[in-house]
Amino acid sequence: MIVRDYDTAKNTDRRVNSDGWSSVRLLLKDDGMGFSFHITTIHKGAELKMHYQNHLESVYCVSGKGSIEDLDEGKTHEINPGVMYALDKHDRHILRATEEMTMACVFSPPVTGKEVHNEDGAYPLVEETV
């Protein structure tokens, strides 16, 4: 069984900070679950263009408000507490925060823990070693 406390983890190297966001990675690739789980804060006013080419992601808004724009379909969806979205087609998108947002995020395949977005808005894929 894996048990981790967010308030403890946020003060360790499990917390990753980048432009417009910070993320506490509670489950990582080394945990062997087949996915990673993060609590991510999107800072008020952030506008994050992302395209996870190597990962699928599901996100649940715990608090705050913003929107997500699907760049392929040209649709914008409001994000507020209780809304979930899943990037099931490696969707190109822009996440905007009109208020600070707290998001619970699941990535498959799991991340290792230190990833930040590259110039394409993606996390790199870490190859399996045999």
N, C-alpha and C. Protein backbone atom coordinates (compact mmCIF):
# COMPACT_ATOMS: atom_id res chain seq x y z
N MET A 1 0.85 -1.18 0.00
CA MET A 1 0.00 0.00 0.00
C MET A 1 0.89 1.24 0.00
N ILE A 2 0.49 2.22 -0.75
CA ILE A 2 1.21 3.50 -0.80
C ILE A 2 0.32 4.55 -0.13
N VAL A 3 0.87 5.24 0.84
CA VAL A 3 0.15 6.32 1.51
C VAL A 3 1.07 7.53 1.53
N ARG A 4 0.58 8.64 0.99
CA ARG A 4 1.36 9.88 0.99
C ARG A 4 0.45 11.03 1.40
N ASP A 5 1.03 11.97 2.11
CA ASP A 5 0.31 13.15 2.57
C ASP A 5 0.69 14.33 1.69
N TYR A 6 -0.31 14.98 1.10
CA TYR A 6 -0.07 16.13 0.23
C TYR A 6 0.73 17.22 0.94
N ASP A 7 0.35 17.55 2.19
CA ASP A 7 1.02 18.64 2.91
C ASP A 7 2.49 18.33 3.17
N THR A 8 2.82 17.06 3.30
CA THR A 8 4.23 16.67 3.43
C THR A 8 4.92 16.70 2.07
N ALA A 9 4.28 16.11 1.06
CA ALA A 9 4.89 15.99 -0.27
C ALA A 9 5.15 17.35 -0.91
N LYS A 10 4.32 18.35 -0.62
CA LYS A 10 4.50 19.65 -1.27
C LYS A 10 5.78 20.36 -0.82
N ASN A 11 6.39 19.87 0.25
CA ASN A 11 7.64 20.45 0.74
C ASN A 11 8.86 19.59 0.42
N THR A 12 8.70 18.72 -0.60
CA THR A 12 9.79 17.83 -1.02
C THR A 12 10.06 18.04 -2.50
N ASP A 13 10.95 17.21 -3.05
CA ASP A 13 11.23 17.29 -4.48
C ASP A 13 10.10 16.72 -5.33
N ARG A 14 9.01 16.29 -4.72
CA ARG A 14 7.82 15.89 -5.48
C ARG A 14 7.07 17.11 -6.01
N ARG A 15 7.40 18.28 -5.51
CA ARG A 15 6.79 19.52 -6.00
C ARG A 15 7.65 20.06 -7.15
N VAL A 16 7.00 20.30 -8.28
CA VAL A 16 7.67 20.85 -9.46
C VAL A 16 6.98 22.17 -9.80
N ASN A 17 7.79 23.21 -9.98
CA ASN A 17 7.27 24.54 -10.31
C ASN A 17 7.68 24.91 -11.73
N SER A 18 6.78 25.53 -12.45
CA SER A 18 7.07 26.00 -13.80
C SER A 18 6.26 27.27 -14.06
N ASP A 19 6.37 27.80 -15.25
CA ASP A 19 5.66 29.02 -15.60
C ASP A 19 4.15 28.79 -15.58
N GLY A 20 3.45 29.45 -14.67
CA GLY A 20 2.00 29.40 -14.63
C GLY A 20 1.41 28.26 -13.81
N TRP A 21 2.23 27.38 -13.31
CA TRP A 21 1.71 26.23 -12.56
C TRP A 21 2.75 25.65 -11.61
N SER A 22 2.25 24.89 -10.64
CA SER A 22 3.09 24.04 -9.78
C SER A 22 2.33 22.74 -9.57
N SER A 23 3.08 21.67 -9.40
CA SER A 23 2.45 20.35 -9.31
C SER A 23 3.12 19.51 -8.25
N VAL A 24 2.31 18.89 -7.41
CA VAL A 24 2.81 17.94 -6.42
C VAL A 24 2.48 16.55 -6.95
N ARG A 25 3.52 15.81 -7.28
CA ARG A 25 3.36 14.49 -7.90
C ARG A 25 3.31 13.42 -6.81
N LEU A 26 2.11 12.96 -6.51
CA LEU A 26 1.91 12.02 -5.40
C LEU A 26 2.18 10.57 -5.79
N LEU A 27 1.92 10.21 -7.03
CA LEU A 27 2.27 8.88 -7.56
C LEU A 27 3.09 9.09 -8.82
N LEU A 28 4.18 8.33 -8.95
CA LEU A 28 5.08 8.46 -10.09
C LEU A 28 5.36 7.09 -10.71
N LYS A 29 6.05 7.12 -11.82
CA LYS A 29 6.37 5.89 -12.54
C LYS A 29 6.99 4.83 -11.63
N ASP A 30 7.93 5.24 -10.79
CA ASP A 30 8.62 4.28 -9.91
C ASP A 30 7.68 3.60 -8.90
N ASP A 31 6.49 4.14 -8.71
CA ASP A 31 5.54 3.51 -7.80
C ASP A 31 4.88 2.28 -8.42
N GLY A 32 5.02 2.09 -9.75
CA GLY A 32 4.56 0.87 -10.40
C GLY A 32 3.06 0.74 -10.57
N MET A 33 2.32 1.83 -10.55
CA MET A 33 0.87 1.76 -10.67
C MET A 33 0.39 1.81 -12.13
N GLY A 34 1.26 2.18 -13.06
CA GLY A 34 0.85 2.28 -14.45
C GLY A 34 0.29 3.65 -14.82
N PHE A 35 0.19 4.55 -13.86
CA PHE A 35 -0.25 5.93 -14.09
C PHE A 35 0.40 6.79 -13.01
N SER A 36 0.39 8.10 -13.22
CA SER A 36 0.84 9.01 -12.17
C SER A 36 -0.33 9.88 -11.75
N PHE A 37 -0.26 10.39 -10.52
CA PHE A 37 -1.33 11.20 -9.95
C PHE A 37 -0.72 12.44 -9.34
N HIS A 38 -1.27 13.60 -9.72
CA HIS A 38 -0.72 14.88 -9.31
C HIS A 38 -1.83 15.79 -8.80
N ILE A 39 -1.50 16.66 -7.88
CA ILE A 39 -2.35 17.79 -7.53
C ILE A 39 -1.62 19.01 -8.07
N THR A 40 -2.25 19.67 -9.04
CA THR A 40 -1.61 20.76 -9.75
C THR A 40 -2.36 22.06 -9.49
N THR A 41 -1.61 23.10 -9.24
CA THR A 41 -2.16 24.45 -9.08
C THR A 41 -1.85 25.23 -10.35
N ILE A 42 -2.90 25.75 -10.97
CA ILE A 42 -2.76 26.62 -12.13
C ILE A 42 -2.93 28.05 -11.60
N HIS A 43 -1.92 28.87 -11.78
CA HIS A 43 -1.93 30.21 -11.20
C HIS A 43 -2.90 31.14 -11.94
N LYS A 44 -3.54 32.01 -11.19
CA LYS A 44 -4.48 32.98 -11.76
C LYS A 44 -3.80 33.75 -12.89
N GLY A 45 -4.51 33.85 -14.00
CA GLY A 45 -3.99 34.56 -15.16
C GLY A 45 -3.14 33.72 -16.10
N ALA A 46 -2.86 32.49 -15.72
CA ALA A 46 -2.04 31.62 -16.57
C ALA A 46 -2.78 31.28 -17.86
N GLU A 47 -2.04 31.19 -18.93
CA GLU A 47 -2.55 30.73 -20.22
C GLU A 47 -1.52 29.73 -20.74
N LEU A 48 -1.86 28.45 -20.65
CA LEU A 48 -0.90 27.38 -20.92
C LEU A 48 -1.29 26.63 -22.19
N LYS A 49 -0.48 26.75 -23.23
CA LYS A 49 -0.71 26.01 -24.47
C LYS A 49 0.02 24.68 -24.34
N MET A 50 -0.75 23.59 -24.45
CA MET A 50 -0.18 22.26 -24.22
C MET A 50 -0.63 21.29 -25.30
N HIS A 51 0.19 20.26 -25.48
CA HIS A 51 -0.12 19.19 -26.43
C HIS A 51 0.62 17.95 -25.96
N TYR A 52 -0.03 17.16 -25.14
CA TYR A 52 0.60 15.94 -24.60
C TYR A 52 0.63 14.87 -25.69
N GLN A 53 1.71 14.82 -26.44
CA GLN A 53 1.84 13.89 -27.55
C GLN A 53 2.17 12.48 -27.07
N ASN A 54 2.71 12.37 -25.87
CA ASN A 54 3.18 11.08 -25.36
C ASN A 54 2.35 10.53 -24.20
N HIS A 55 1.38 11.29 -23.74
CA HIS A 55 0.61 10.92 -22.56
C HIS A 55 -0.88 11.20 -22.78
N LEU A 56 -1.71 10.43 -22.11
CA LEU A 56 -3.13 10.74 -21.97
C LEU A 56 -3.29 11.34 -20.58
N GLU A 57 -4.22 12.28 -20.44
CA GLU A 57 -4.41 12.93 -19.15
C GLU A 57 -5.90 13.09 -18.87
N SER A 58 -6.25 12.87 -17.60
CA SER A 58 -7.58 13.16 -17.10
C SER A 58 -7.42 14.15 -15.96
N VAL A 59 -8.29 15.18 -15.94
CA VAL A 59 -8.16 16.27 -14.98
C VAL A 59 -9.52 16.54 -14.34
N TYR A 60 -9.53 16.69 -13.02
CA TYR A 60 -10.73 17.04 -12.26
C TYR A 60 -10.47 18.35 -11.53
N CYS A 61 -11.33 19.33 -11.72
CA CYS A 61 -11.18 20.63 -11.06
C CYS A 61 -11.73 20.55 -9.63
N VAL A 62 -10.86 20.77 -8.67
CA VAL A 62 -11.23 20.76 -7.26
C VAL A 62 -11.70 22.15 -6.83
N SER A 63 -10.98 23.18 -7.29
CA SER A 63 -11.37 24.55 -6.94
C SER A 63 -10.86 25.52 -8.01
N GLY A 64 -11.49 26.69 -8.04
CA GLY A 64 -11.10 27.74 -8.97
C GLY A 64 -11.90 27.72 -10.26
N LYS A 65 -11.58 28.65 -11.15
CA LYS A 65 -12.32 28.77 -12.41
C LYS A 65 -11.38 29.10 -13.56
N GLY A 66 -11.78 28.64 -14.73
CA GLY A 66 -11.01 28.92 -15.93
C GLY A 66 -11.71 28.31 -17.13
N SER A 67 -10.92 28.02 -18.15
CA SER A 67 -11.48 27.41 -19.36
C SER A 67 -10.41 26.58 -20.04
N ILE A 68 -10.86 25.67 -20.90
CA ILE A 68 -9.97 24.90 -21.75
C ILE A 68 -10.46 25.04 -23.18
N GLU A 69 -9.55 25.42 -24.06
CA GLU A 69 -9.87 25.58 -25.47
C GLU A 69 -9.28 24.40 -26.24
N ASP A 70 -10.13 23.69 -26.95
CA ASP A 70 -9.72 22.60 -27.83
C ASP A 70 -9.28 23.23 -29.15
N LEU A 71 -8.00 23.20 -29.43
CA LEU A 71 -7.47 23.90 -30.60
C LEU A 71 -7.81 23.21 -31.91
N ASP A 72 -8.11 21.92 -31.88
CA ASP A 72 -8.48 21.21 -33.11
C ASP A 72 -9.94 21.41 -33.46
N GLU A 73 -10.81 21.44 -32.45
CA GLU A 73 -12.25 21.60 -32.70
C GLU A 73 -12.71 23.05 -32.59
N GLY A 74 -11.86 23.91 -32.04
CA GLY A 74 -12.22 25.32 -31.92
C GLY A 74 -13.28 25.59 -30.86
N LYS A 75 -13.43 24.69 -29.90
CA LYS A 75 -14.42 24.85 -28.84
C LYS A 75 -13.73 25.20 -27.53
N THR A 76 -14.40 26.03 -26.74
CA THR A 76 -13.92 26.39 -25.41
C THR A 76 -14.93 25.90 -24.39
N HIS A 77 -14.43 25.26 -23.33
CA HIS A 77 -15.27 24.72 -22.27
C HIS A 77 -14.90 25.40 -20.96
N GLU A 78 -15.91 25.81 -20.21
CA GLU A 78 -15.68 26.41 -18.90
C GLU A 78 -15.24 25.32 -17.91
N ILE A 79 -14.31 25.70 -17.05
CA ILE A 79 -13.81 24.79 -16.01
C ILE A 79 -14.14 25.43 -14.67
N ASN A 80 -14.78 24.66 -13.79
CA ASN A 80 -15.07 25.09 -12.43
C ASN A 80 -15.13 23.85 -11.57
N PRO A 81 -15.24 23.98 -10.26
CA PRO A 81 -15.23 22.80 -9.39
C PRO A 81 -16.28 21.77 -9.82
N GLY A 82 -15.83 20.53 -9.91
CA GLY A 82 -16.70 19.43 -10.30
C GLY A 82 -16.59 19.04 -11.76
N VAL A 83 -15.92 19.86 -12.57
CA VAL A 83 -15.77 19.56 -14.00
C VAL A 83 -14.53 18.70 -14.22
N MET A 84 -14.68 17.67 -15.05
CA MET A 84 -13.58 16.79 -15.44
C MET A 84 -13.42 16.90 -16.94
N TYR A 85 -12.18 16.87 -17.40
CA TYR A 85 -11.92 16.72 -18.83
C TYR A 85 -10.83 15.68 -19.03
N ALA A 86 -10.89 14.99 -20.15
CA ALA A 86 -9.91 13.96 -20.49
C ALA A 86 -9.35 14.25 -21.87
N LEU A 87 -8.06 14.28 -21.96
CA LEU A 87 -7.36 14.51 -23.23
C LEU A 87 -7.11 13.14 -23.85
N ASP A 88 -8.17 12.56 -24.40
CA ASP A 88 -8.13 11.17 -24.88
C ASP A 88 -7.59 11.02 -26.30
N LYS A 89 -7.36 12.13 -26.97
CA LYS A 89 -6.85 12.08 -28.35
C LYS A 89 -5.58 12.92 -28.47
N HIS A 90 -4.83 13.03 -27.37
CA HIS A 90 -3.62 13.86 -27.36
C HIS A 90 -3.96 15.28 -27.83
N ASP A 91 -5.09 15.77 -27.34
CA ASP A 91 -5.68 17.03 -27.80
C ASP A 91 -4.76 18.23 -27.57
N ARG A 92 -4.58 19.03 -28.59
CA ARG A 92 -3.90 20.32 -28.47
C ARG A 92 -4.88 21.27 -27.78
N HIS A 93 -4.41 21.96 -26.75
CA HIS A 93 -5.33 22.79 -25.98
C HIS A 93 -4.63 23.95 -25.30
N ILE A 94 -5.46 24.92 -24.89
CA ILE A 94 -4.97 26.03 -24.07
C ILE A 94 -5.82 26.03 -22.79
N LEU A 95 -5.15 25.95 -21.66
CA LEU A 95 -5.80 26.02 -20.36
C LEU A 95 -5.60 27.43 -19.82
N ARG A 96 -6.70 28.08 -19.45
CA ARG A 96 -6.66 29.44 -18.94
C ARG A 96 -7.28 29.47 -17.54
N ALA A 97 -6.63 30.18 -16.63
CA ALA A 97 -7.13 30.29 -15.26
C ALA A 97 -7.57 31.73 -14.99
N THR A 98 -8.87 31.92 -14.79
CA THR A 98 -9.36 33.24 -14.39
C THR A 98 -9.25 33.42 -12.88
N GLU A 99 -9.19 32.30 -12.16
CA GLU A 99 -8.89 32.25 -10.73
C GLU A 99 -7.84 31.15 -10.56
N GLU A 100 -7.14 31.16 -9.45
CA GLU A 100 -6.25 30.03 -9.18
C GLU A 100 -7.08 28.76 -9.16
N MET A 101 -6.61 27.74 -9.86
CA MET A 101 -7.32 26.46 -9.93
C MET A 101 -6.48 25.35 -9.30
N THR A 102 -7.14 24.49 -8.54
CA THR A 102 -6.54 23.28 -8.03
C THR A 102 -7.12 22.12 -8.82
N MET A 103 -6.24 21.32 -9.43
CA MET A 103 -6.64 20.25 -10.32
C MET A 103 -6.04 18.92 -9.86
N ALA A 104 -6.83 17.86 -9.89
CA ALA A 104 -6.33 16.51 -9.64
C ALA A 104 -6.13 15.87 -11.02
N CYS A 105 -4.90 15.44 -11.30
CA CYS A 105 -4.53 15.00 -12.65
C CYS A 105 -3.97 13.58 -12.63
N VAL A 106 -4.36 12.81 -13.63
CA VAL A 106 -3.84 11.45 -13.83
C VAL A 106 -3.20 11.38 -15.20
N PHE A 107 -1.97 10.87 -15.27
CA PHE A 107 -1.26 10.70 -16.53
C PHE A 107 -0.97 9.23 -16.81
N SER A 108 -1.16 8.85 -18.07
CA SER A 108 -0.79 7.52 -18.54
C SER A 108 -0.09 7.67 -19.88
N PRO A 109 1.09 7.11 -20.05
CA PRO A 109 1.89 6.44 -19.02
C PRO A 109 2.32 7.42 -17.94
N PRO A 110 2.76 6.88 -16.81
CA PRO A 110 3.12 7.75 -15.69
C PRO A 110 4.37 8.58 -15.99
N VAL A 111 4.46 9.73 -15.34
CA VAL A 111 5.66 10.55 -15.44
C VAL A 111 6.63 10.14 -14.33
N THR A 112 7.89 10.53 -14.51
CA THR A 112 8.93 10.18 -13.54
C THR A 112 8.98 11.15 -12.37
N GLY A 113 8.52 12.40 -12.60
CA GLY A 113 8.45 13.35 -11.51
C GLY A 113 9.09 14.69 -11.75
N LYS A 114 10.01 14.81 -12.66
CA LYS A 114 10.71 16.07 -12.88
C LYS A 114 10.29 16.78 -14.16
N GLU A 115 9.38 16.19 -14.91
CA GLU A 115 9.01 16.73 -16.21
C GLU A 115 8.40 18.12 -16.10
N VAL A 116 8.75 18.95 -17.07
CA VAL A 116 8.07 20.21 -17.34
C VAL A 116 7.80 20.23 -18.83
N HIS A 117 6.91 21.10 -19.28
CA HIS A 117 6.52 21.12 -20.68
C HIS A 117 7.68 21.54 -21.58
N ASN A 118 7.81 20.84 -22.72
CA ASN A 118 8.81 21.24 -23.70
C ASN A 118 8.23 22.34 -24.59
N GLU A 119 8.94 22.70 -25.65
CA GLU A 119 8.49 23.80 -26.52
C GLU A 119 7.17 23.50 -27.22
N ASP A 120 6.78 22.21 -27.32
CA ASP A 120 5.50 21.83 -27.93
C ASP A 120 4.37 21.73 -26.90
N GLY A 121 4.69 21.95 -25.61
CA GLY A 121 3.69 21.83 -24.56
C GLY A 121 3.47 20.40 -24.12
N ALA A 122 4.47 19.54 -24.34
CA ALA A 122 4.36 18.12 -24.00
C ALA A 122 5.39 17.75 -22.95
N TYR A 123 5.16 16.62 -22.29
CA TYR A 123 6.17 16.00 -21.46
C TYR A 123 6.90 14.97 -22.31
N PRO A 124 8.21 14.82 -22.13
CA PRO A 124 8.92 13.79 -22.89
C PRO A 124 8.49 12.40 -22.42
N LEU A 125 8.58 11.44 -23.33
CA LEU A 125 8.29 10.05 -22.97
C LEU A 125 9.57 9.39 -22.51
N VAL A 126 9.55 8.79 -21.33
CA VAL A 126 10.70 8.10 -20.81
C VAL A 126 10.60 6.65 -21.26
N GLU A 127 11.60 6.19 -22.01
CA GLU A 127 11.59 4.84 -22.55
C GLU A 127 11.85 3.82 -21.44
N GLU A 128 11.19 2.69 -21.58
CA GLU A 128 11.42 1.58 -20.64
C GLU A 128 12.81 1.02 -20.85
N THR A 129 13.48 0.63 -19.77
CA THR A 129 14.77 -0.04 -19.89
C THR A 129 14.58 -1.49 -19.54
N VAL A 130 15.30 -2.35 -20.24
CA VAL A 130 15.16 -3.81 -20.04
C VAL A 130 16.28 -4.32 -19.22
